[in-house]
Amino acid sequence: MTRVEITYCVPCGHLDRAQSLQERLLSTFGRELEAVSLVTGDSGVFTVHVDGDLVFDKADDEYDPDAIVETVRGRVSAAD
């Protein structure tokens, strides 16, 4: 099963964004995901890893939850 890890910057106030993305992933994929974990960080971090592979980093890409969900969808489908 697929595991997603969202690392977010606590001092930057990214908790709401991380929780929103977590909820969206869980409501979209449900039991197809083993877990969607939130990991605290700092220094402006906001990253998403799927099964240990980096699929989004706000340092490199503009935050687009639709694009992140589609990327995760491709990984969930590949795991089936």
PDB file of N, CA and C in Angstrom:
ATOM      1  N   MET A   1       0.832  -1.199   0.000  1.00  0.00           N
ATOM      2  CA  MET A   1       0.000   0.000   0.000  1.00  0.00           C
ATOM      3  C   MET A   1       0.867   1.250   0.000  1.00  0.00           C
ATOM      4  N   THR A   2       0.278   2.310  -0.417  1.00  0.00           N
ATOM      5  CA  THR A   2       0.987   3.580  -0.600  1.00  0.00           C
ATOM      6  C   THR A   2       0.973   4.401   0.684  1.00  0.00           C
ATOM      7  N   ARG A   3       2.138   4.953   1.017  1.00  0.00           N
ATOM      8  CA  ARG A   3       2.282   5.847   2.179  1.00  0.00           C
ATOM      9  C   ARG A   3       2.667   7.230   1.687  1.00  0.00           C
ATOM     10  N   VAL A   4       2.001   8.239   2.233  1.00  0.00           N
ATOM     11  CA  VAL A   4       2.294   9.627   1.889  1.00  0.00           C
ATOM     12  C   VAL A   4       2.765  10.338   3.151  1.00  0.00           C
ATOM     13  N   GLU A   5       3.811  11.147   2.993  1.00  0.00           N
ATOM     14  CA  GLU A   5       4.348  11.925   4.107  1.00  0.00           C
ATOM     15  C   GLU A   5       4.408  13.393   3.688  1.00  0.00           C
ATOM     16  N   ILE A   6       3.756  14.247   4.466  1.00  0.00           N
ATOM     17  CA  ILE A   6       3.750  15.687   4.212  1.00  0.00           C
ATOM     18  C   ILE A   6       4.582  16.346   5.307  1.00  0.00           C
ATOM     19  N   THR A   7       5.676  16.966   4.925  1.00  0.00           N
ATOM     20  CA  THR A   7       6.527  17.688   5.873  1.00  0.00           C
ATOM     21  C   THR A   7       6.253  19.174   5.704  1.00  0.00           C
ATOM     22  N   TYR A   8       5.973  19.856   6.814  1.00  0.00           N
ATOM     23  CA  TYR A   8       5.567  21.259   6.739  1.00  0.00           C
ATOM     24  C   TYR A   8       6.300  22.086   7.793  1.00  0.00           C
ATOM     25  N   CYS A   9       6.480  23.361   7.481  1.00  0.00           N
ATOM     26  CA  CYS A   9       7.166  24.299   8.372  1.00  0.00           C
ATOM     27  C   CYS A   9       6.198  24.784   9.454  1.00  0.00           C
ATOM     28  N   VAL A  10       6.518  24.486  10.702  1.00  0.00           N
ATOM     29  CA  VAL A  10       5.692  24.916  11.827  1.00  0.00           C
ATOM     30  C   VAL A  10       5.757  26.438  12.005  1.00  0.00           C
ATOM     31  N   PRO A  11       6.965  27.044  12.072  1.00  0.00           N
ATOM     32  CA  PRO A  11       7.022  28.488  12.285  1.00  0.00           C
ATOM     33  C   PRO A  11       6.352  29.300  11.164  1.00  0.00           C
ATOM     34  N   CYS A  12       6.292  28.741   9.966  1.00  0.00           N
ATOM     35  CA  CYS A  12       5.692  29.450   8.827  1.00  0.00           C
ATOM     36  C   CYS A  12       4.169  29.384   8.837  1.00  0.00           C
ATOM     37  N   GLY A  13       3.612  28.540   9.671  1.00  0.00           N
ATOM     38  CA  GLY A  13       2.166  28.408   9.732  1.00  0.00           C
ATOM     39  C   GLY A  13       1.578  27.546   8.631  1.00  0.00           C
ATOM     40  N   HIS A  14       2.334  26.557   8.154  1.00  0.00           N
ATOM     41  CA  HIS A  14       1.851  25.686   7.074  1.00  0.00           C
ATOM     42  C   HIS A  14       0.989  24.523   7.563  1.00  0.00           C
ATOM     43  N   LEU A  15       0.660  24.489   8.857  1.00  0.00           N
ATOM     44  CA  LEU A  15      -0.140  23.389   9.384  1.00  0.00           C
ATOM     45  C   LEU A  15      -1.493  23.295   8.688  1.00  0.00           C
ATOM     46  N   ASP A  16      -2.182  24.412   8.513  1.00  0.00           N
ATOM     47  CA  ASP A  16      -3.498  24.380   7.859  1.00  0.00           C
ATOM     48  C   ASP A  16      -3.408  23.796   6.457  1.00  0.00           C
ATOM     49  N   ARG A  17      -2.396  24.203   5.706  1.00  0.00           N
ATOM     50  CA  ARG A  17      -2.195  23.701   4.347  1.00  0.00           C
ATOM     51  C   ARG A  17      -1.927  22.195   4.375  1.00  0.00           C
ATOM     52  N   ALA A  18      -1.089  21.762   5.308  1.00  0.00           N
ATOM     53  CA  ALA A  18      -0.755  20.340   5.417  1.00  0.00           C
ATOM     54  C   ALA A  18      -1.985  19.521   5.797  1.00  0.00           C
ATOM     55  N   GLN A  19      -2.769  20.012   6.738  1.00  0.00           N
ATOM     56  CA  GLN A  19      -3.972  19.291   7.152  1.00  0.00           C
ATOM     57  C   GLN A  19      -4.993  19.239   6.027  1.00  0.00           C
ATOM     58  N   SER A  20      -5.128  20.333   5.291  1.00  0.00           N
ATOM     59  CA  SER A  20      -6.066  20.378   4.177  1.00  0.00           C
ATOM     60  C   SER A  20      -5.680  19.365   3.104  1.00  0.00           C
ATOM     61  N   LEU A  21      -4.395  19.309   2.780  1.00  0.00           N
ATOM     62  CA  LEU A  21      -3.924  18.349   1.782  1.00  0.00           C
ATOM     63  C   LEU A  21      -4.096  16.922   2.291  1.00  0.00           C
ATOM     64  N   GLN A  22      -3.793  16.692   3.554  1.00  0.00           N
ATOM     65  CA  GLN A  22      -3.969  15.371   4.153  1.00  0.00           C
ATOM     66  C   GLN A  22      -5.430  14.932   4.035  1.00  0.00           C
ATOM     67  N   GLU A  23      -6.354  15.810   4.404  1.00  0.00           N
ATOM     68  CA  GLU A  23      -7.781  15.491   4.333  1.00  0.00           C
ATOM     69  C   GLU A  23      -8.210  15.196   2.895  1.00  0.00           C
ATOM     70  N   ARG A  24      -7.719  15.998   1.972  1.00  0.00           N
ATOM     71  CA  ARG A  24      -8.080  15.804   0.568  1.00  0.00           C
ATOM     72  C   ARG A  24      -7.581  14.454   0.045  1.00  0.00           C
ATOM     73  N   LEU A  25      -6.342  14.107   0.390  1.00  0.00           N
ATOM     74  CA  LEU A  25      -5.796  12.822  -0.049  1.00  0.00           C
ATOM     75  C   LEU A  25      -6.577  11.655   0.561  1.00  0.00           C
ATOM     76  N   LEU A  26      -6.893  11.754   1.838  1.00  0.00           N
ATOM     77  CA  LEU A  26      -7.631  10.683   2.487  1.00  0.00           C
ATOM     78  C   LEU A  26      -9.051  10.562   1.944  1.00  0.00           C
ATOM     79  N   SER A  27      -9.696  11.677   1.678  1.00  0.00           N
ATOM     80  CA  SER A  27     -11.062  11.608   1.151  1.00  0.00           C
ATOM     81  C   SER A  27     -11.066  11.138  -0.308  1.00  0.00           C
ATOM     82  N   THR A  28     -10.010  11.438  -1.050  1.00  0.00           N
ATOM     83  CA  THR A  28      -9.929  11.017  -2.449  1.00  0.00           C
ATOM     84  C   THR A  28      -9.594   9.535  -2.579  1.00  0.00           C
ATOM     85  N   PHE A  29      -8.626   9.073  -1.794  1.00  0.00           N
ATOM     86  CA  PHE A  29      -8.116   7.707  -1.978  1.00  0.00           C
ATOM     87  C   PHE A  29      -8.555   6.719  -0.909  1.00  0.00           C
ATOM     88  N   GLY A  30      -8.998   7.216   0.223  1.00  0.00           N
ATOM     89  CA  GLY A  30      -9.499   6.337   1.283  1.00  0.00           C
ATOM     90  C   GLY A  30      -8.559   5.207   1.629  1.00  0.00           C
ATOM     91  N   ARG A  31      -9.069   3.992   1.552  1.00  0.00           N
ATOM     92  CA  ARG A  31      -8.311   2.811   1.983  1.00  0.00           C
ATOM     93  C   ARG A  31      -7.225   2.397   1.009  1.00  0.00           C
ATOM     94  N   GLU A  32      -7.118   3.095  -0.115  1.00  0.00           N
ATOM     95  CA  GLU A  32      -6.029   2.799  -1.052  1.00  0.00           C
ATOM     96  C   GLU A  32      -4.689   3.266  -0.487  1.00  0.00           C
ATOM     97  N   LEU A  33      -4.737   4.162   0.512  1.00  0.00           N
ATOM     98  CA  LEU A  33      -3.527   4.666   1.159  1.00  0.00           C
ATOM     99  C   LEU A  33      -3.350   3.978   2.507  1.00  0.00           C
ATOM    100  N   GLU A  34      -2.134   3.590   2.784  1.00  0.00           N
ATOM    101  CA  GLU A  34      -1.835   3.006   4.090  1.00  0.00           C
ATOM    102  C   GLU A  34      -1.823   4.100   5.156  1.00  0.00           C
ATOM    103  N   ALA A  35      -1.241   5.269   4.805  1.00  0.00           N
ATOM    104  CA  ALA A  35      -1.150   6.366   5.757  1.00  0.00           C
ATOM    105  C   ALA A  35      -0.850   7.664   5.021  1.00  0.00           C
ATOM    106  N   VAL A  36      -1.310   8.755   5.631  1.00  0.00           N
ATOM    107  CA  VAL A  36      -0.908  10.094   5.203  1.00  0.00           C
ATOM    108  C   VAL A  36      -0.428  10.782   6.471  1.00  0.00           C
ATOM    109  N   SER A  37       0.889  10.871   6.622  1.00  0.00           N
ATOM    110  CA  SER A  37       1.503  11.374   7.843  1.00  0.00           C
ATOM    111  C   SER A  37       1.901  12.828   7.712  1.00  0.00           C
ATOM    112  N   LEU A  38       1.753  13.561   8.808  1.00  0.00           N
ATOM    113  CA  LEU A  38       2.236  14.939   8.886  1.00  0.00           C
ATOM    114  C   LEU A  38       3.509  14.941   9.717  1.00  0.00           C
ATOM    115  N   VAL A  39       4.554  15.568   9.180  1.00  0.00           N
ATOM    116  CA  VAL A  39       5.855  15.623   9.839  1.00  0.00           C
ATOM    117  C   VAL A  39       6.231  17.090  10.006  1.00  0.00           C
ATOM    118  N   THR A  40       6.557  17.475  11.225  1.00  0.00           N
ATOM    119  CA  THR A  40       6.912  18.872  11.480  1.00  0.00           C
ATOM    120  C   THR A  40       8.309  19.180  10.966  1.00  0.00           C
ATOM    121  N   GLY A  41       8.474  20.427  10.520  1.00  0.00           N
ATOM    122  CA  GLY A  41       9.761  20.884  10.024  1.00  0.00           C
ATOM    123  C   GLY A  41       9.911  22.369  10.253  1.00  0.00           C
ATOM    124  N   ASP A  42      10.941  22.949   9.651  1.00  0.00           N
ATOM    125  CA  ASP A  42      11.164  24.391   9.758  1.00  0.00           C
ATOM    126  C   ASP A  42      11.849  24.877   8.491  1.00  0.00           C
ATOM    127  N   SER A  43      12.345  26.076   8.486  1.00  0.00           N
ATOM    128  CA  SER A  43      13.073  26.660   7.355  1.00  0.00           C
ATOM    129  C   SER A  43      12.233  26.736   6.080  1.00  0.00           C
ATOM    130  N   GLY A  44      10.904  26.890   6.241  1.00  0.00           N
ATOM    131  CA  GLY A  44      10.036  27.083   5.089  1.00  0.00           C
ATOM    132  C   GLY A  44       9.665  25.820   4.338  1.00  0.00           C
ATOM    133  N   VAL A  45       9.990  24.664   4.883  1.00  0.00           N
ATOM    134  CA  VAL A  45       9.763  23.408   4.178  1.00  0.00           C
ATOM    135  C   VAL A  45       8.269  23.117   3.974  1.00  0.00           C
ATOM    136  N   PHE A  46       7.943  22.607   2.816  1.00  0.00           N
ATOM    137  CA  PHE A  46       6.644  21.978   2.544  1.00  0.00           C
ATOM    138  C   PHE A  46       6.898  20.986   1.419  1.00  0.00           C
ATOM    139  N   THR A  47       6.988  19.719   1.789  1.00  0.00           N
ATOM    140  CA  THR A  47       7.280  18.672   0.809  1.00  0.00           C
ATOM    141  C   THR A  47       6.268  17.543   0.947  1.00  0.00           C
ATOM    142  N   VAL A  48       6.137  16.789  -0.128  1.00  0.00           N
ATOM    143  CA  VAL A  48       5.288  15.601  -0.125  1.00  0.00           C
ATOM    144  C   VAL A  48       6.118  14.445  -0.689  1.00  0.00           C
ATOM    145  N   HIS A  49       6.170  13.378   0.074  1.00  0.00           N
ATOM    146  CA  HIS A  49       6.846  12.149  -0.348  1.00  0.00           C
ATOM    147  C   HIS A  49       5.814  11.038  -0.477  1.00  0.00           C
ATOM    148  N   VAL A  50       5.944  10.221  -1.500  1.00  0.00           N
ATOM    149  CA  VAL A  50       5.106   9.039  -1.684  1.00  0.00           C
ATOM    150  C   VAL A  50       6.032   7.829  -1.693  1.00  0.00           C
ATOM    151  N   ASP A  51       5.818   6.969  -0.721  1.00  0.00           N
ATOM    152  CA  ASP A  51       6.670   5.779  -0.565  1.00  0.00           C
ATOM    153  C   ASP A  51       8.150   6.151  -0.575  1.00  0.00           C
ATOM    154  N   GLY A  52       8.473   7.262   0.087  1.00  0.00           N
ATOM    155  CA  GLY A  52       9.855   7.697   0.231  1.00  0.00           C
ATOM    156  C   GLY A  52      10.402   8.544  -0.899  1.00  0.00           C
ATOM    157  N   ASP A  53       9.658   8.667  -1.996  1.00  0.00           N
ATOM    158  CA  ASP A  53      10.114   9.457  -3.141  1.00  0.00           C
ATOM    159  C   ASP A  53       9.498  10.861  -3.095  1.00  0.00           C
ATOM    160  N   LEU A  54      10.330  11.877  -3.274  1.00  0.00           N
ATOM    161  CA  LEU A  54       9.857  13.253  -3.297  1.00  0.00           C
ATOM    162  C   LEU A  54       9.006  13.491  -4.543  1.00  0.00           C
ATOM    163  N   VAL A  55       7.753  13.941  -4.334  1.00  0.00           N
ATOM    164  CA  VAL A  55       6.874  14.237  -5.474  1.00  0.00           C
ATOM    165  C   VAL A  55       6.486  15.713  -5.525  1.00  0.00           C
ATOM    166  N   PHE A  56       6.729  16.451  -4.432  1.00  0.00           N
ATOM    167  CA  PHE A  56       6.463  17.885  -4.428  1.00  0.00           C
ATOM    168  C   PHE A  56       7.374  18.557  -3.422  1.00  0.00           C
ATOM    169  N   ASP A  57       7.927  19.705  -3.826  1.00  0.00           N
ATOM    170  CA  ASP A  57       8.730  20.550  -2.935  1.00  0.00           C
ATOM    171  C   ASP A  57       8.398  21.990  -3.281  1.00  0.00           C
ATOM    172  N   LYS A  58       7.872  22.739  -2.306  1.00  0.00           N
ATOM    173  CA  LYS A  58       7.475  24.118  -2.608  1.00  0.00           C
ATOM    174  C   LYS A  58       8.664  24.994  -2.989  1.00  0.00           C
ATOM    175  N   ALA A  59       9.870  24.543  -2.694  1.00  0.00           N
ATOM    176  CA  ALA A  59      11.059  25.277  -3.109  1.00  0.00           C
ATOM    177  C   ALA A  59      11.250  25.203  -4.618  1.00  0.00           C
ATOM    178  N   ASP A  60      10.684  24.163  -5.246  1.00  0.00           N
ATOM    179  CA  ASP A  60      10.858  23.954  -6.679  1.00  0.00           C
ATOM    180  C   ASP A  60       9.597  24.216  -7.503  1.00  0.00           C
ATOM    181  N   ASP A  61       8.430  24.034  -6.883  1.00  0.00           N
ATOM    182  CA  ASP A  61       7.157  24.122  -7.607  1.00  0.00           C
ATOM    183  C   ASP A  61       6.173  25.006  -6.848  1.00  0.00           C
ATOM    184  N   GLU A  62       5.233  25.591  -7.576  1.00  0.00           N
ATOM    185  CA  GLU A  62       4.149  26.345  -6.951  1.00  0.00           C
ATOM    186  C   GLU A  62       3.165  25.352  -6.347  1.00  0.00           C
ATOM    187  N   TYR A  63       2.665  25.677  -5.167  1.00  0.00           N
ATOM    188  CA  TYR A  63       1.730  24.789  -4.483  1.00  0.00           C
ATOM    189  C   TYR A  63       0.430  24.694  -5.275  1.00  0.00           C
ATOM    190  N   ASP A  64       0.109  23.486  -5.706  1.00  0.00           N
ATOM    191  CA  ASP A  64      -1.106  23.223  -6.464  1.00  0.00           C
ATOM    192  C   ASP A  64      -1.663  21.886  -5.966  1.00  0.00           C
ATOM    193  N   PRO A  65      -2.637  21.933  -5.061  1.00  0.00           N
ATOM    194  CA  PRO A  65      -3.149  20.683  -4.505  1.00  0.00           C
ATOM    195  C   PRO A  65      -3.704  19.734  -5.560  1.00  0.00           C
ATOM    196  N   ASP A  66      -4.320  20.271  -6.617  1.00  0.00           N
ATOM    197  CA  ASP A  66      -4.836  19.408  -7.686  1.00  0.00           C
ATOM    198  C   ASP A  66      -3.712  18.604  -8.333  1.00  0.00           C
ATOM    199  N   ALA A  67      -2.598  19.264  -8.604  1.00  0.00           N
ATOM    200  CA  ALA A  67      -1.458  18.587  -9.225  1.00  0.00           C
ATOM    201  C   ALA A  67      -0.865  17.541  -8.282  1.00  0.00           C
ATOM    202  N   ILE A  68      -0.814  17.859  -6.995  1.00  0.00           N
ATOM    203  CA  ILE A  68      -0.275  16.899  -6.024  1.00  0.00           C
ATOM    204  C   ILE A  68      -1.171  15.660  -5.962  1.00  0.00           C
ATOM    205  N   VAL A  69      -2.491  15.866  -5.921  1.00  0.00           N
ATOM    206  CA  VAL A  69      -3.423  14.740  -5.884  1.00  0.00           C
ATOM    207  C   VAL A  69      -3.249  13.875  -7.135  1.00  0.00           C
ATOM    208  N   GLU A  70      -3.093  14.498  -8.287  1.00  0.00           N
ATOM    209  CA  GLU A  70      -2.913  13.728  -9.527  1.00  0.00           C
ATOM    210  C   GLU A  70      -1.599  12.950  -9.516  1.00  0.00           C
ATOM    211  N   THR A  71      -0.558  13.546  -8.966  1.00  0.00           N
ATOM    212  CA  THR A  71       0.716  12.837  -8.853  1.00  0.00           C
ATOM    213  C   THR A  71       0.575  11.633  -7.934  1.00  0.00           C
ATOM    214  N   VAL A  72      -0.089  11.827  -6.809  1.00  0.00           N
ATOM    215  CA  VAL A  72      -0.317  10.713  -5.895  1.00  0.00           C
ATOM    216  C   VAL A  72      -1.184   9.656  -6.564  1.00  0.00           C
ATOM    217  N   ARG A  73      -2.188  10.080  -7.346  1.00  0.00           N
ATOM    218  CA  ARG A  73      -3.054   9.130  -8.050  1.00  0.00           C
ATOM    219  C   ARG A  73      -2.229   8.206  -8.941  1.00  0.00           C
ATOM    220  N   GLY A  74      -1.266   8.772  -9.638  1.00  0.00           N
ATOM    221  CA  GLY A  74      -0.397   7.962 -10.497  1.00  0.00           C
ATOM    222  C   GLY A  74       0.408   6.947  -9.717  1.00  0.00           C
ATOM    223  N   ARG A  75       0.818   7.320  -8.528  1.00  0.00           N
ATOM    224  CA  ARG A  75       1.593   6.407  -7.685  1.00  0.00           C
ATOM    225  C   ARG A  75       0.705   5.331  -7.077  1.00  0.00           C
ATOM    226  N   VAL A  76      -0.529   5.700  -6.690  1.00  0.00           N
ATOM    227  CA  VAL A  76      -1.461   4.722  -6.132  1.00  0.00           C
ATOM    228  C   VAL A  76      -1.831   3.702  -7.200  1.00  0.00           C
ATOM    229  N   SER A  77      -2.098   4.185  -8.412  1.00  0.00           N
ATOM    230  CA  SER A  77      -2.449   3.295  -9.528  1.00  0.00           C
ATOM    231  C   SER A  77      -1.295   2.339  -9.853  1.00  0.00           C
ATOM    232  N   ALA A  78      -0.085   2.848  -9.810  1.00  0.00           N
ATOM    233  CA  ALA A  78       1.083   2.027 -10.126  1.00  0.00           C
ATOM    234  C   ALA A  78       1.309   0.946  -9.068  1.00  0.00           C
ATOM    235  N   ALA A  79       0.864   1.216  -7.834  1.00  0.00           N
ATOM    236  CA  ALA A  79       1.061   0.255  -6.753  1.00  0.00           C
ATOM    237  C   ALA A  79       0.076  -0.897  -6.795  1.00  0.00           C
ATOM    238  N   ASP A  80      -1.012  -0.732  -7.558  1.00  0.00           N
ATOM    239  CA  ASP A  80      -2.031  -1.793  -7.656  1.00  0.00           C
ATOM    240  C   ASP A  80      -1.551  -2.979  -8.459  1.00  0.00           C
TER     241      ASP A  80
END
